[in-house]
């Protein structure tokens, strides 16, 4: 599953068949897919769980693991940065609490990140 302009997109693999589903919310996407049976595994390209300070260990380990593709791994911003009213404010908050700013792309994903936040 991943965020997209329409909401969320999911690729379902079942008994060798591959289908694509799109829904406005992640809950709606899961509900649609589960109409054909319970999901065994869900992979999602959005961080789940936001730090209050520093970096998530999962991000650090992924960054190290992917080697030359590390630019495709972004460090999850702290919660307060994503709650900021502007990208500029988010950059400042994240610098204070995690030692680095955040990209406009990550800030733009904040509603999707909050949708899966646990």
Protein backbone atom coordinates (compact mmCIF):
# COMPACT_ATOMS: atom_id res chain seq x y z
CA UNK A 1 0.00 0.00 0.00
CA UNK A 2 1.12 3.52 -0.70
CA UNK A 3 -0.27 7.03 -0.66
CA UNK A 4 -1.38 8.45 -3.99
CA UNK A 5 -3.26 11.50 -5.29
CA UNK A 6 -6.59 9.68 -5.08
CA UNK A 7 -5.89 8.53 -1.51
CA UNK A 8 -4.31 5.09 -1.23
CA UNK A 9 -3.35 2.38 -3.70
CA UNK A 10 -2.84 -1.27 -2.90
CA UNK A 11 -1.56 -4.21 -4.92
CA UNK A 12 -3.17 -7.48 -3.91
CA UNK A 13 -1.60 -10.85 -4.66
CA UNK A 14 -3.94 -13.80 -4.13
CA UNK A 15 -3.54 -17.30 -5.54
CA UNK A 16 -1.15 -16.01 -8.20
CA UNK A 17 -3.53 -13.26 -9.37
CA UNK A 18 -2.55 -9.60 -9.01
CA UNK A 19 -5.10 -6.82 -8.69
CA UNK A 20 -4.85 -3.12 -7.91
CA UNK A 21 -7.28 -1.31 -5.64
CA UNK A 22 -7.61 2.43 -4.95
CA UNK A 23 -9.55 4.07 -2.13
CA UNK A 24 -9.81 7.48 -0.50
CA UNK A 25 -8.66 6.29 2.94
CA UNK A 26 -6.45 3.46 4.08
CA UNK A 27 -9.33 2.07 6.17
CA UNK A 28 -11.52 1.98 3.06
CA UNK A 29 -8.77 0.27 1.08
CA UNK A 30 -8.32 -2.42 3.73
CA UNK A 31 -12.11 -2.92 3.98
CA UNK A 32 -12.42 -3.27 0.20
CA UNK A 33 -9.64 -5.82 -0.03
CA UNK A 34 -10.90 -7.78 2.99
CA UNK A 35 -14.27 -8.33 1.27
CA UNK A 36 -12.50 -11.19 -0.54
CA UNK A 37 -11.06 -12.61 2.69
CA UNK A 38 -8.81 -11.70 5.58
CA UNK A 39 -5.45 -10.16 4.74
CA UNK A 40 -2.42 -12.17 5.81
CA UNK A 41 0.18 -9.43 5.32
CA UNK A 42 0.11 -5.72 4.58
CA UNK A 43 3.19 -3.84 3.43
CA UNK A 44 2.92 -0.07 3.57
CA UNK A 45 5.25 2.63 2.31
CA UNK A 46 4.49 5.14 5.08
CA UNK A 47 6.18 5.29 8.49
CA UNK A 48 4.07 3.94 11.34
CA UNK A 49 4.85 5.48 14.71
CA UNK A 50 6.35 8.93 15.13
CA UNK A 51 9.26 9.80 17.39
CA UNK A 52 9.11 12.72 19.80
CA UNK A 53 12.87 13.28 19.46
CA UNK A 54 15.67 11.86 17.34
CA UNK A 55 15.40 9.23 14.64
CA UNK A 56 13.46 5.97 14.50
CA UNK A 57 15.73 2.94 14.66
CA UNK A 58 13.85 1.40 11.71
CA UNK A 59 14.80 4.38 9.50
CA UNK A 60 18.47 4.24 10.55
CA UNK A 61 18.69 0.49 9.89
CA UNK A 62 16.93 0.76 6.51
CA UNK A 63 19.21 3.63 5.49
CA UNK A 64 22.29 1.54 6.28
CA UNK A 65 20.92 -1.61 4.66
CA UNK A 66 20.01 -0.28 1.21
CA UNK A 67 23.48 1.02 0.40
CA UNK A 68 23.52 3.02 -2.85
CA UNK A 69 19.71 3.35 -2.78
CA UNK A 70 19.75 5.11 0.60
CA UNK A 71 18.40 8.31 -0.93
CA UNK A 72 15.04 6.51 -1.20
CA UNK A 73 14.88 6.24 2.61
CA UNK A 74 13.72 9.33 4.46
CA UNK A 75 14.09 9.86 8.16
CA UNK A 76 10.70 10.12 9.81
CA UNK A 77 10.18 13.59 11.28
CA UNK A 78 9.23 14.07 14.91
CA UNK A 79 5.52 14.32 15.66
CA UNK A 80 5.64 18.02 16.58
CA UNK A 81 7.23 18.87 13.21
CA UNK A 82 4.39 17.21 11.30
CA UNK A 83 1.88 19.04 13.51
CA UNK A 84 3.44 22.41 12.57
CA UNK A 85 1.34 24.86 10.54
CA UNK A 86 3.95 25.35 7.81
CA UNK A 87 6.90 23.62 6.25
CA UNK A 88 9.24 26.34 7.55
CA UNK A 89 7.99 25.81 11.11
CA UNK A 90 8.28 22.04 10.68
CA UNK A 91 11.92 22.39 9.61
CA UNK A 92 12.71 24.43 12.72
CA UNK A 93 10.94 22.04 15.09
CA UNK A 94 12.60 18.99 13.58
CA UNK A 95 16.03 20.65 13.75
CA UNK A 96 15.48 21.34 17.45
CA UNK A 97 14.29 17.82 18.27
CA UNK A 98 16.09 15.61 15.74
CA UNK A 99 19.08 17.63 14.58
CA UNK A 100 17.97 18.07 10.96
CA UNK A 101 15.23 19.64 8.88
CA UNK A 102 12.60 17.86 6.80
CA UNK A 103 11.83 18.00 3.11
CA UNK A 104 8.73 19.59 1.66
CA UNK A 105 7.82 16.16 0.27
CA UNK A 106 7.76 14.56 3.72
CA UNK A 107 5.84 17.51 5.17
CA UNK A 108 3.33 17.12 2.33
CA UNK A 109 2.74 13.49 3.37
CA UNK A 110 1.78 14.43 6.93
CA UNK A 111 -1.95 13.75 6.53
CA UNK A 112 -1.17 10.26 5.20
CA UNK A 113 1.33 9.65 7.99
CA UNK A 114 -1.22 10.70 10.61
CA UNK A 115 -3.78 8.41 8.99
CA UNK A 116 -1.71 5.36 9.93
CA UNK A 117 -0.20 6.74 13.12
CA UNK A 118 -0.52 4.39 16.07
